[in-house]
Every structure is written in C-alpha cells, then in structure tokens.
Amino acid sequence: MASECSTSGACQTGAESCESSTGSCRACGTDCCGDPIACAMGMWSCAFFQAMKEAQVELLKEKIKKAWGAKMDKAADAVLEAMGTKWQSMLSDAKSKADLRAKLQGLWQ
C-alpha cells in the first residue's frame, strides 16, 4: 500500500484518505462495506503513518531546539516584548475611544 502526503496533511493510502468522511463507515471513513477486517486494516494503516509523522516531528523538534535553541529563545523574547508593547498600545487606544464615547454621550444626553 503506497502512502503519500496531501496538501491537507491527511494520510493517503492508495486512493483512500485516513481523514475522509465520504465513505459510509464512521470508524474508518471508507466504503469498507461493514467488513470489520478491512475497516481495522484501514485504521491501523492510517494510525501507523500518523504515528510515524508524529515521531518525526518530535525528533526534529529536539534537534531544532539543540541547534537553534538559544537564538529561538532570544527571538521569542523579542517577539514577546514587541507584542506586549503593541498590546498595551491597543489597550490605551481602546480606553481613549471609550473615554471619548462617554464624553460625547454625556454631551448629547
């Protein structure tokens, strides 16, 4: 059974998608015609490819952190600082708009 990637990230085994909901079977998403063995085979196949991808992601995460961890920590600090400043600015802007609204409402009532 050949496996290939799709743009949605769904496991593809042959012509069937592991995340397909077009089939009649709610368990495996294929047209297994109620055959529990065919259904189980489809689910096991998809589970294998999903587990393989998850293991690869975990391995890469460790290696990326080891290789670039210090730089990524500094980048995360810079992003947090910049977004914190932006957040405070947004809060200040919202407060000034609310204050203006309250003043205008007081004037017109």
PDB file of N, CA and C in Angstrom:
ATOM      1  N   MET A   1       0.843  -1.174   0.000  1.00  0.00           N
ATOM      2  CA  MET A   1       0.000   0.000   0.000  1.00  0.00           C
ATOM      3  C   MET A   1       0.888   1.237   0.000  1.00  0.00           C
ATOM      4  N   ALA A   2       0.878   2.045  -1.034  1.00  0.00           N
ATOM      5  CA  ALA A   2       1.711   3.236  -1.122  1.00  0.00           C
ATOM      6  C   ALA A   2       1.090   4.366  -0.316  1.00  0.00           C
ATOM      7  N   SER A   3       1.959   5.161   0.315  1.00  0.00           N
ATOM      8  CA  SER A   3       1.471   6.282   1.108  1.00  0.00           C
ATOM      9  C   SER A   3       2.043   7.560   0.558  1.00  0.00           C
ATOM     10  N   GLU A   4       1.259   8.620   0.535  1.00  0.00           N
ATOM     11  CA  GLU A   4       1.736   9.896   0.019  1.00  0.00           C
ATOM     12  C   GLU A   4       1.131  11.028   0.816  1.00  0.00           C
ATOM     13  N   CYS A   5       1.819  12.169   0.807  1.00  0.00           N
ATOM     14  CA  CYS A   5       1.317  13.332   1.526  1.00  0.00           C
ATOM     15  C   CYS A   5       0.281  14.051   0.690  1.00  0.00           C
ATOM     16  N   SER A   6      -0.615  14.713   1.366  1.00  0.00           N
ATOM     17  CA  SER A   6      -1.569  15.569   0.674  1.00  0.00           C
ATOM     18  C   SER A   6      -1.405  16.968   1.223  1.00  0.00           C
ATOM     19  N   THR A   7      -1.948  17.942   0.546  1.00  0.00           N
ATOM     20  CA  THR A   7      -1.810  19.315   0.992  1.00  0.00           C
ATOM     21  C   THR A   7      -2.529  19.560   2.307  1.00  0.00           C
ATOM     22  N   SER A   8      -3.523  18.757   2.641  1.00  0.00           N
ATOM     23  CA  SER A   8      -4.243  18.941   3.899  1.00  0.00           C
ATOM     24  C   SER A   8      -3.553  18.248   5.057  1.00  0.00           C
ATOM     25  N   GLY A   9      -2.495  17.491   4.787  1.00  0.00           N
ATOM     26  CA  GLY A   9      -1.788  16.771   5.825  1.00  0.00           C
ATOM     27  C   GLY A   9      -2.425  15.432   6.157  1.00  0.00           C
ATOM     28  N   ALA A  10      -3.436  15.037   5.414  1.00  0.00           N
ATOM     29  CA  ALA A  10      -4.107  13.770   5.668  1.00  0.00           C
ATOM     30  C   ALA A  10      -3.249  12.625   5.159  1.00  0.00           C
ATOM     31  N   CYS A  11      -3.283  11.529   5.872  1.00  0.00           N
ATOM     32  CA  CYS A  11      -2.580  10.327   5.440  1.00  0.00           C
ATOM     33  C   CYS A  11      -3.290   9.768   4.224  1.00  0.00           C
ATOM     34  N   GLN A  12      -2.563   9.492   3.188  1.00  0.00           N
ATOM     35  CA  GLN A  12      -3.155   8.916   1.985  1.00  0.00           C
ATOM     36  C   GLN A  12      -2.599   7.508   1.802  1.00  0.00           C
ATOM     37  N   THR A  13      -3.462   6.531   1.766  1.00  0.00           N
ATOM     38  CA  THR A  13      -3.037   5.156   1.498  1.00  0.00           C
ATOM     39  C   THR A  13      -3.762   4.705   0.247  1.00  0.00           C
ATOM     40  N   GLY A  14      -3.024   4.582  -0.828  1.00  0.00           N
ATOM     41  CA  GLY A  14      -3.650   4.265  -2.095  1.00  0.00           C
ATOM     42  C   GLY A  14      -4.538   5.420  -2.499  1.00  0.00           C
ATOM     43  N   ALA A  15      -5.798   5.161  -2.730  1.00  0.00           N
ATOM     44  CA  ALA A  15      -6.730   6.216  -3.127  1.00  0.00           C
ATOM     45  C   ALA A  15      -7.588   6.674  -1.954  1.00  0.00           C
ATOM     46  N   GLU A  16      -7.392   6.062  -0.779  1.00  0.00           N
ATOM     47  CA  GLU A  16      -8.237   6.382   0.358  1.00  0.00           C
ATOM     48  C   GLU A  16      -7.529   7.344   1.300  1.00  0.00           C
ATOM     49  N   SER A  17      -8.251   8.282   1.840  1.00  0.00           N
ATOM     50  CA  SER A  17      -7.719   9.224   2.803  1.00  0.00           C
ATOM     51  C   SER A  17      -8.114   8.789   4.199  1.00  0.00           C
ATOM     52  N   CYS A  18      -7.177   8.853   5.125  1.00  0.00           N
ATOM     53  CA  CYS A  18      -7.485   8.475   6.505  1.00  0.00           C
ATOM     54  C   CYS A  18      -8.456   9.440   7.151  1.00  0.00           C
ATOM     55  N   GLU A  19      -8.494  10.664   6.667  1.00  0.00           N
ATOM     56  CA  GLU A  19      -9.380  11.647   7.257  1.00  0.00           C
ATOM     57  C   GLU A  19     -10.649  11.817   6.425  1.00  0.00           C
ATOM     58  N   SER A  20     -10.857  10.921   5.493  1.00  0.00           N
ATOM     59  CA  SER A  20     -12.021  11.017   4.609  1.00  0.00           C
ATOM     60  C   SER A  20     -13.302  10.775   5.386  1.00  0.00           C
ATOM     61  N   SER A  21     -14.286  11.570   5.119  1.00  0.00           N
ATOM     62  CA  SER A  21     -15.589  11.329   5.724  1.00  0.00           C
ATOM     63  C   SER A  21     -16.605  11.027   4.633  1.00  0.00           C
ATOM     64  N   THR A  22     -16.103  10.738   3.423  1.00  0.00           N
ATOM     65  CA  THR A  22     -17.010  10.473   2.307  1.00  0.00           C
ATOM     66  C   THR A  22     -17.485   9.036   2.292  1.00  0.00           C
ATOM     67  N   GLY A  23     -16.748   8.135   2.959  1.00  0.00           N
ATOM     68  CA  GLY A  23     -17.152   6.744   2.986  1.00  0.00           C
ATOM     69  C   GLY A  23     -18.320   6.536   3.921  1.00  0.00           C
ATOM     70  N   SER A  24     -18.893   5.340   3.838  1.00  0.00           N
ATOM     71  CA  SER A  24     -20.076   5.057   4.646  1.00  0.00           C
ATOM     72  C   SER A  24     -19.722   4.652   6.068  1.00  0.00           C
ATOM     73  N   CYS A  25     -18.501   4.222   6.315  1.00  0.00           N
ATOM     74  CA  CYS A  25     -18.108   3.753   7.638  1.00  0.00           C
ATOM     75  C   CYS A  25     -17.668   4.931   8.509  1.00  0.00           C
ATOM     76  N   ARG A  26     -18.296   5.073   9.659  1.00  0.00           N
ATOM     77  CA  ARG A  26     -17.939   6.169  10.561  1.00  0.00           C
ATOM     78  C   ARG A  26     -16.592   5.931  11.217  1.00  0.00           C
ATOM     79  N   ALA A  27     -16.162   4.686  11.360  1.00  0.00           N
ATOM     80  CA  ALA A  27     -14.905   4.377  12.040  1.00  0.00           C
ATOM     81  C   ALA A  27     -13.689   4.655  11.171  1.00  0.00           C
ATOM     82  N   CYS A  28     -13.707   4.154   9.923  1.00  0.00           N
ATOM     83  CA  CYS A  28     -12.515   4.289   9.082  1.00  0.00           C
ATOM     84  C   CYS A  28     -12.684   5.302   7.963  1.00  0.00           C
ATOM     85  N   GLY A  29     -13.915   5.763   7.724  1.00  0.00           N
ATOM     86  CA  GLY A  29     -14.152   6.772   6.697  1.00  0.00           C
ATOM     87  C   GLY A  29     -14.092   6.242   5.281  1.00  0.00           C
ATOM     88  N   THR A  30     -14.114   4.930   5.118  1.00  0.00           N
ATOM     89  CA  THR A  30     -14.071   4.350   3.775  1.00  0.00           C
ATOM     90  C   THR A  30     -15.353   3.573   3.513  1.00  0.00           C
ATOM     91  N   ASP A  31     -15.436   3.034   2.330  1.00  0.00           N
ATOM     92  CA  ASP A  31     -16.558   2.160   1.983  1.00  0.00           C
ATOM     93  C   ASP A  31     -16.119   0.715   2.198  1.00  0.00           C
ATOM     94  N   CYS A  32     -15.925   0.355   3.462  1.00  0.00           N
ATOM     95  CA  CYS A  32     -15.457  -0.999   3.774  1.00  0.00           C
ATOM     96  C   CYS A  32     -16.596  -2.000   3.755  1.00  0.00           C
ATOM     97  N   CYS A  33     -17.801  -1.522   3.481  1.00  0.00           N
ATOM     98  CA  CYS A  33     -18.995  -2.367   3.365  1.00  0.00           C
ATOM     99  C   CYS A  33     -19.266  -3.165   4.628  1.00  0.00           C
ATOM    100  N   GLY A  34     -18.891  -2.613   5.765  1.00  0.00           N
ATOM    101  CA  GLY A  34     -19.151  -3.288   7.029  1.00  0.00           C
ATOM    102  C   GLY A  34     -18.193  -4.409   7.340  1.00  0.00           C
ATOM    103  N   ASP A  35     -17.156  -4.594   6.524  1.00  0.00           N
ATOM    104  CA  ASP A  35     -16.158  -5.646   6.763  1.00  0.00           C
ATOM    105  C   ASP A  35     -15.238  -5.171   7.886  1.00  0.00           C
ATOM    106  N   PRO A  36     -15.336  -5.755   9.088  1.00  0.00           N
ATOM    107  CA  PRO A  36     -14.530  -5.275  10.212  1.00  0.00           C
ATOM    108  C   PRO A  36     -13.026  -5.438   9.999  1.00  0.00           C
ATOM    109  N   ILE A  37     -12.616  -6.437   9.236  1.00  0.00           N
ATOM    110  CA  ILE A  37     -11.187  -6.635   8.986  1.00  0.00           C
ATOM    111  C   ILE A  37     -10.668  -5.541   8.062  1.00  0.00           C
ATOM    112  N   ALA A  38     -11.405  -5.234   6.986  1.00  0.00           N
ATOM    113  CA  ALA A  38     -10.999  -4.159   6.076  1.00  0.00           C
ATOM    114  C   ALA A  38     -10.987  -2.829   6.810  1.00  0.00           C
ATOM    115  N   CYS A  39     -11.961  -2.622   7.670  1.00  0.00           N
ATOM    116  CA  CYS A  39     -12.030  -1.391   8.454  1.00  0.00           C
ATOM    117  C   CYS A  39     -10.818  -1.294   9.374  1.00  0.00           C
ATOM    118  N   ALA A  40     -10.527  -2.356  10.095  1.00  0.00           N
ATOM    119  CA  ALA A  40      -9.381  -2.368  11.010  1.00  0.00           C
ATOM    120  C   ALA A  40      -8.073  -2.149  10.263  1.00  0.00           C
ATOM    121  N   MET A  41      -7.934  -2.785   9.094  1.00  0.00           N
ATOM    122  CA  MET A  41      -6.708  -2.618   8.305  1.00  0.00           C
ATOM    123  C   MET A  41      -6.526  -1.155   7.911  1.00  0.00           C
ATOM    124  N   GLY A  42      -7.600  -0.520   7.497  1.00  0.00           N
ATOM    125  CA  GLY A  42      -7.527   0.887   7.118  1.00  0.00           C
ATOM    126  C   GLY A  42      -7.141   1.765   8.290  1.00  0.00           C
ATOM    127  N   MET A  43      -7.756   1.524   9.440  1.00  0.00           N
ATOM    128  CA  MET A  43      -7.449   2.331  10.614  1.00  0.00           C
ATOM    129  C   MET A  43      -6.018   2.107  11.094  1.00  0.00           C
ATOM    130  N   TRP A  44      -5.550   0.837  11.088  1.00  0.00           N
ATOM    131  CA  TRP A  44      -4.179   0.552  11.510  1.00  0.00           C
ATOM    132  C   TRP A  44      -3.168   1.184  10.564  1.00  0.00           C
ATOM    133  N   SER A  45      -3.454   1.142   9.295  1.00  0.00           N
ATOM    134  CA  SER A  45      -2.551   1.741   8.316  1.00  0.00           C
ATOM    135  C   SER A  45      -2.423   3.242   8.550  1.00  0.00           C
ATOM    136  N   CYS A  46      -3.543   3.894   8.716  1.00  0.00           N
ATOM    137  CA  CYS A  46      -3.522   5.339   8.951  1.00  0.00           C
ATOM    138  C   CYS A  46      -2.869   5.677  10.276  1.00  0.00           C
ATOM    139  N   ALA A  47      -3.140   4.885  11.314  1.00  0.00           N
ATOM    140  CA  ALA A  47      -2.539   5.118  12.622  1.00  0.00           C
ATOM    141  C   ALA A  47      -1.018   5.008  12.534  1.00  0.00           C
ATOM    142  N   PHE A  48      -0.533   4.034  11.751  1.00  0.00           N
ATOM    143  CA  PHE A  48       0.908   3.875  11.592  1.00  0.00           C
ATOM    144  C   PHE A  48       1.535   5.123  10.989  1.00  0.00           C
ATOM    145  N   PHE A  49       0.945   5.617   9.892  1.00  0.00           N
ATOM    146  CA  PHE A  49       1.530   6.789   9.232  1.00  0.00           C
ATOM    147  C   PHE A  49       1.405   8.037  10.094  1.00  0.00           C
ATOM    148  N   GLN A  50       0.327   8.147  10.848  1.00  0.00           N
ATOM    149  CA  GLN A  50       0.177   9.281  11.749  1.00  0.00           C
ATOM    150  C   GLN A  50       1.233   9.214  12.854  1.00  0.00           C
ATOM    151  N   ALA A  51       1.445   8.037  13.435  1.00  0.00           N
ATOM    152  CA  ALA A  51       2.450   7.868  14.489  1.00  0.00           C
ATOM    153  C   ALA A  51       3.856   8.128  13.952  1.00  0.00           C
ATOM    154  N   MET A  52       4.118   7.668  12.728  1.00  0.00           N
ATOM    155  CA  MET A  52       5.431   7.892  12.119  1.00  0.00           C
ATOM    156  C   MET A  52       5.686   9.395  11.963  1.00  0.00           C
ATOM    157  N   LYS A  53       4.691  10.117  11.483  1.00  0.00           N
ATOM    158  CA  LYS A  53       4.846  11.562  11.305  1.00  0.00           C
ATOM    159  C   LYS A  53       5.054  12.254  12.651  1.00  0.00           C
ATOM    160  N   GLU A  54       4.284  11.856  13.665  1.00  0.00           N
ATOM    161  CA  GLU A  54       4.425  12.458  14.990  1.00  0.00           C
ATOM    162  C   GLU A  54       5.816  12.201  15.564  1.00  0.00           C
ATOM    163  N   ALA A  55       6.346  10.986  15.375  1.00  0.00           N
ATOM    164  CA  ALA A  55       7.692  10.662  15.856  1.00  0.00           C
ATOM    165  C   ALA A  55       8.738  11.515  15.138  1.00  0.00           C
ATOM    166  N   GLN A  56       8.561  11.705  13.841  1.00  0.00           N
ATOM    167  CA  GLN A  56       9.495  12.536  13.077  1.00  0.00           C
ATOM    168  C   GLN A  56       9.457  13.979  13.562  1.00  0.00           C
ATOM    169  N   VAL A  57       8.259  14.488  13.821  1.00  0.00           N
ATOM    170  CA  VAL A  57       8.118  15.863  14.309  1.00  0.00           C
ATOM    171  C   VAL A  57       8.824  16.003  15.656  1.00  0.00           C
ATOM    172  N   GLU A  58       8.624  15.045  16.558  1.00  0.00           N
ATOM    173  CA  GLU A  58       9.271  15.117  17.873  1.00  0.00           C
ATOM    174  C   GLU A  58      10.790  15.093  17.748  1.00  0.00           C
ATOM    175  N   LEU A  59      11.312  14.233  16.877  1.00  0.00           N
ATOM    176  CA  LEU A  59      12.770  14.177  16.680  1.00  0.00           C
ATOM    177  C   LEU A  59      13.301  15.502  16.141  1.00  0.00           C
ATOM    178  N   LEU A  60      12.602  16.057  15.165  1.00  0.00           N
ATOM    179  CA  LEU A  60      13.043  17.333  14.600  1.00  0.00           C
ATOM    180  C   LEU A  60      12.963  18.463  15.618  1.00  0.00           C
ATOM    181  N   LYS A  61      11.927  18.461  16.449  1.00  0.00           N
ATOM    182  CA  LYS A  61      11.804  19.495  17.482  1.00  0.00           C
ATOM    183  C   LYS A  61      13.043  19.505  18.374  1.00  0.00           C
ATOM    184  N   GLU A  62      13.450  18.320  18.835  1.00  0.00           N
ATOM    185  CA  GLU A  62      14.625  18.213  19.704  1.00  0.00           C
ATOM    186  C   GLU A  62      15.878  18.740  19.003  1.00  0.00           C
ATOM    187  N   LYS A  63      16.059  18.346  17.757  1.00  0.00           N
ATOM    188  CA  LYS A  63      17.258  18.754  17.020  1.00  0.00           C
ATOM    189  C   LYS A  63      17.249  20.258  16.723  1.00  0.00           C
ATOM    190  N   ILE A  64      16.102  20.794  16.400  1.00  0.00           N
ATOM    191  CA  ILE A  64      15.990  22.238  16.141  1.00  0.00           C
ATOM    192  C   ILE A  64      16.290  23.014  17.411  1.00  0.00           C
ATOM    193  N   LYS A  65      15.733  22.573  18.532  1.00  0.00           N
ATOM    194  CA  LYS A  65      16.000  23.252  19.801  1.00  0.00           C
ATOM    195  C   LYS A  65      17.482  23.192  20.157  1.00  0.00           C
ATOM    196  N   LYS A  66      18.117  22.049  19.903  1.00  0.00           N
ATOM    197  CA  LYS A  66      19.537  21.903  20.205  1.00  0.00           C
ATOM    198  C   LYS A  66      20.372  22.818  19.315  1.00  0.00           C
ATOM    199  N   ALA A  67      20.042  22.865  18.023  1.00  0.00           N
ATOM    200  CA  ALA A  67      20.830  23.650  17.072  1.00  0.00           C
ATOM    201  C   ALA A  67      20.574  25.152  17.188  1.00  0.00           C
ATOM    202  N   TRP A  68      19.322  25.540  17.374  1.00  0.00           N
ATOM    203  CA  TRP A  68      18.966  26.959  17.317  1.00  0.00           C
ATOM    204  C   TRP A  68      18.261  27.460  18.572  1.00  0.00           C
ATOM    205  N   GLY A  69      18.260  26.645  19.621  1.00  0.00           N
ATOM    206  CA  GLY A  69      17.508  26.980  20.827  1.00  0.00           C
ATOM    207  C   GLY A  69      17.821  28.353  21.399  1.00  0.00           C
ATOM    208  N   ALA A  70      19.100  28.690  21.515  1.00  0.00           N
ATOM    209  CA  ALA A  70      19.490  29.974  22.109  1.00  0.00           C
ATOM    210  C   ALA A  70      18.977  31.140  21.261  1.00  0.00           C
ATOM    211  N   LYS A  71      19.123  31.025  19.944  1.00  0.00           N
ATOM    212  CA  LYS A  71      18.640  32.087  19.057  1.00  0.00           C
ATOM    213  C   LYS A  71      17.106  32.164  19.102  1.00  0.00           C
ATOM    214  N   MET A  72      16.458  31.008  19.162  1.00  0.00           N
ATOM    215  CA  MET A  72      14.995  30.997  19.212  1.00  0.00           C
ATOM    216  C   MET A  72      14.486  31.600  20.519  1.00  0.00           C
ATOM    217  N   ASP A  73      15.202  31.362  21.626  1.00  0.00           N
ATOM    218  CA  ASP A  73      14.830  31.970  22.901  1.00  0.00           C
ATOM    219  C   ASP A  73      14.912  33.489  22.814  1.00  0.00           C
ATOM    220  N   LYS A  74      15.991  33.988  22.204  1.00  0.00           N
ATOM    221  CA  LYS A  74      16.144  35.442  22.041  1.00  0.00           C
ATOM    222  C   LYS A  74      15.059  35.997  21.114  1.00  0.00           C
ATOM    223  N   ALA A  75      14.754  35.262  20.047  1.00  0.00           N
ATOM    224  CA  ALA A  75      13.698  35.696  19.133  1.00  0.00           C
ATOM    225  C   ALA A  75      12.350  35.713  19.848  1.00  0.00           C
ATOM    226  N   ALA A  76      12.076  34.701  20.661  1.00  0.00           N
ATOM    227  CA  ALA A  76      10.825  34.644  21.415  1.00  0.00           C
ATOM    228  C   ALA A  76      10.728  35.824  22.385  1.00  0.00           C
ATOM    229  N   ASP A  77      11.851  36.168  23.025  1.00  0.00           N
ATOM    230  CA  ASP A  77      11.868  37.328  23.920  1.00  0.00           C
ATOM    231  C   ASP A  77      11.562  38.612  23.163  1.00  0.00           C
ATOM    232  N   ALA A  78      12.160  38.758  21.975  1.00  0.00           N
ATOM    233  CA  ALA A  78      11.941  39.961  21.164  1.00  0.00           C
ATOM    234  C   ALA A  78      10.482  40.054  20.716  1.00  0.00           C
ATOM    235  N   VAL A  79       9.911  38.932  20.295  1.00  0.00           N
ATOM    236  CA  VAL A  79       8.512  38.914  19.866  1.00  0.00           C
ATOM    237  C   VAL A  79       7.601  39.242  21.044  1.00  0.00           C
ATOM    238  N   LEU A  80       7.867  38.630  22.199  1.00  0.00           N
ATOM    239  CA  LEU A  80       7.052  38.883  23.382  1.00  0.00           C
ATOM    240  C   LEU A  80       7.105  40.358  23.780  1.00  0.00           C
ATOM    241  N   GLU A  81       8.287  40.948  23.737  1.00  0.00           N
ATOM    242  CA  GLU A  81       8.436  42.365  24.080  1.00  0.00           C
ATOM    243  C   GLU A  81       7.664  43.253  23.099  1.00  0.00           C
ATOM    244  N   ALA A  82       7.832  42.998  21.802  1.00  0.00           N
ATOM    245  CA  ALA A  82       7.154  43.809  20.783  1.00  0.00           C
ATOM    246  C   ALA A  82       5.638  43.644  20.863  1.00  0.00           C
ATOM    247  N   MET A  83       5.173  42.422  21.027  1.00  0.00           N
ATOM    248  CA  MET A  83       3.728  42.189  21.098  1.00  0.00           C
ATOM    249  C   MET A  83       3.152  42.758  22.398  1.00  0.00           C
ATOM    250  N   GLY A  84       3.936  42.736  23.467  1.00  0.00           N
ATOM    251  CA  GLY A  84       3.498  43.345  24.717  1.00  0.00           C
ATOM    252  C   GLY A  84       3.297  44.839  24.553  1.00  0.00           C
ATOM    253  N   THR A  85       4.237  45.483  23.853  1.00  0.00           N
ATOM    254  CA  THR A  85       4.116  46.915  23.573  1.00  0.00           C
ATOM    255  C   THR A  85       2.886  47.183  22.718  1.00  0.00           C
ATOM    256  N   LYS A  86       2.687  46.363  21.700  1.00  0.00           N
ATOM    257  CA  LYS A  86       1.521  46.530  20.826  1.00  0.00           C
ATOM    258  C   LYS A  86       0.232  46.338  21.616  1.00  0.00           C
ATOM    259  N   TRP A  87       0.192  45.335  22.487  1.00  0.00           N
ATOM    260  CA  TRP A  87      -0.989  45.057  23.286  1.00  0.00           C
ATOM    261  C   TRP A  87      -1.320  46.253  24.184  1.00  0.00           C
ATOM    262  N   GLN A  88      -0.296  46.803  24.840  1.00  0.00           N
ATOM    263  CA  GLN A  88      -0.513  47.960  25.712  1.00  0.00           C
ATOM    264  C   GLN A  88      -1.034  49.149  24.913  1.00  0.00           C
ATOM    265  N   SER A  89      -0.506  49.313  23.691  1.00  0.00           N
ATOM    266  CA  SER A  89      -0.963  50.388  22.821  1.00  0.00           C
ATOM    267  C   SER A  89      -2.428  50.192  22.447  1.00  0.00           C
ATOM    268  N   MET A  90      -2.814  48.961  22.147  1.00  0.00           N
ATOM    269  CA  MET A  90      -4.202  48.659  21.799  1.00  0.00           C
ATOM    270  C   MET A  90      -5.125  48.938  22.989  1.00  0.00           C
ATOM    271  N   LEU A  91      -4.686  48.586  24.191  1.00  0.00           N
ATOM    272  CA  LEU A  91      -5.486  48.844  25.382  1.00  0.00           C
ATOM    273  C   LEU A  91      -5.650  50.346  25.609  1.00  0.00           C
ATOM    274  N   SER A  92      -4.567  51.082  25.410  1.00  0.00           N
ATOM    275  CA  SER A  92      -4.607  52.535  25.565  1.00  0.00           C
ATOM    276  C   SER A  92      -5.547  53.158  24.543  1.00  0.00           C
ATOM    277  N   ASP A  93      -5.460  52.694  23.299  1.00  0.00           N
ATOM    278  CA  ASP A  93      -6.327  53.188  22.222  1.00  0.00           C
ATOM    279  C   ASP A  93      -7.791  52.899  22.542  1.00  0.00           C
ATOM    280  N   ALA A  94      -8.071  51.693  23.015  1.00  0.00           N
ATOM    281  CA  ALA A  94      -9.440  51.318  23.366  1.00  0.00           C
ATOM    282  C   ALA A  94      -9.958  52.189  24.509  1.00  0.00           C
ATOM    283  N   LYS A  95      -9.101  52.474  25.477  1.00  0.00           N
ATOM    284  CA  LYS A  95      -9.512  53.311  26.602  1.00  0.00           C
ATOM    285  C   LYS A  95      -9.814  54.727  26.138  1.00  0.00           C
ATOM    286  N   SER A  96      -8.965  55.272  25.258  1.00  0.00           N
ATOM    287  CA  SER A  96      -9.208  56.637  24.784  1.00  0.00           C
ATOM    288  C   SER A  96     -10.498  56.710  23.973  1.00  0.00           C
ATOM    289  N   LYS A  97     -10.791  55.688  23.188  1.00  0.00           N
ATOM    290  CA  LYS A  97     -12.049  55.652  22.435  1.00  0.00           C
ATOM    291  C   LYS A  97     -13.245  55.550  23.374  1.00  0.00           C
ATOM    292  N   ALA A  98     -13.120  54.732  24.412  1.00  0.00           N
ATOM    293  CA  ALA A  98     -14.210  54.587  25.375  1.00  0.00           C
ATOM    294  C   ALA A  98     -14.427  55.903  26.126  1.00  0.00           C
ATOM    295  N   ASP A  99     -13.329  56.571  26.496  1.00  0.00           N
ATOM    296  CA  ASP A  99     -13.444  57.868  27.180  1.00  0.00           C
ATOM    297  C   ASP A  99     -14.136  58.893  26.290  1.00  0.00           C
ATOM    298  N   LEU A 100     -13.737  58.966  25.000  1.00  0.00           N
ATOM    299  CA  LEU A 100     -14.359  59.901  24.073  1.00  0.00           C
ATOM    300  C   LEU A 100     -15.843  59.589  23.914  1.00  0.00           C
ATOM    301  N   ARG A 101     -16.149  58.309  23.792  1.00  0.00           N
ATOM    302  CA  ARG A 101     -17.555  57.899  23.649  1.00  0.00           C
ATOM    303  C   ARG A 101     -18.362  58.349  24.860  1.00  0.00           C
ATOM    304  N   ALA A 102     -17.818  58.141  26.051  1.00  0.00           N
ATOM    305  CA  ALA A 102     -18.525  58.527  27.271  1.00  0.00           C
ATOM    306  C   ALA A 102     -18.732  60.039  27.328  1.00  0.00           C
ATOM    307  N   LYS A 103     -17.715  60.819  26.927  1.00  0.00           N
ATOM    308  CA  LYS A 103     -17.831  62.281  26.928  1.00  0.00           C
ATOM    309  C   LYS A 103     -18.886  62.747  25.923  1.00  0.00           C
ATOM    310  N   LEU A 104     -18.855  62.169  24.713  1.00  0.00           N
ATOM    311  CA  LEU A 104     -19.834  62.538  23.706  1.00  0.00           C
ATOM    312  C   LEU A 104     -21.239  62.150  24.119  1.00  0.00           C
ATOM    313  N   GLN A 105     -21.363  61.000  24.713  1.00  0.00           N
ATOM    314  CA  GLN A 105     -22.671  60.528  25.172  1.00  0.00           C
ATOM    315  C   GLN A 105     -23.205  61.475  26.249  1.00  0.00           C
ATOM    316  N   GLY A 106     -22.318  61.917  27.153  1.00  0.00           N
ATOM    317  CA  GLY A 106     -22.714  62.865  28.189  1.00  0.00           C
ATOM    318  C   GLY A 106     -23.152  64.208  27.607  1.00  0.00           C
ATOM    319  N   LEU A 107     -22.481  64.626  26.531  1.00  0.00           N
ATOM    320  CA  LEU A 107     -22.827  65.888  25.891  1.00  0.00           C
ATOM    321  C   LEU A 107     -24.198  65.854  25.230  1.00  0.00           C
ATOM    322  N   TRP A 108     -24.509  64.754  24.594  1.00  0.00           N
ATOM    323  CA  TRP A 108     -25.722  64.659  23.788  1.00  0.00           C
ATOM    324  C   TRP A 108     -26.948  64.189  24.571  1.00  0.00           C
ATOM    325  N   GLN A 109     -26.763  63.808  25.796  1.00  0.00           N
ATOM    326  CA  GLN A 109     -27.928  63.339  26.555  1.00  0.00           C
ATOM    327  C   GLN A 109     -28.547  64.459  27.365  1.00  0.00           C
TER     328      GLN A 109
END
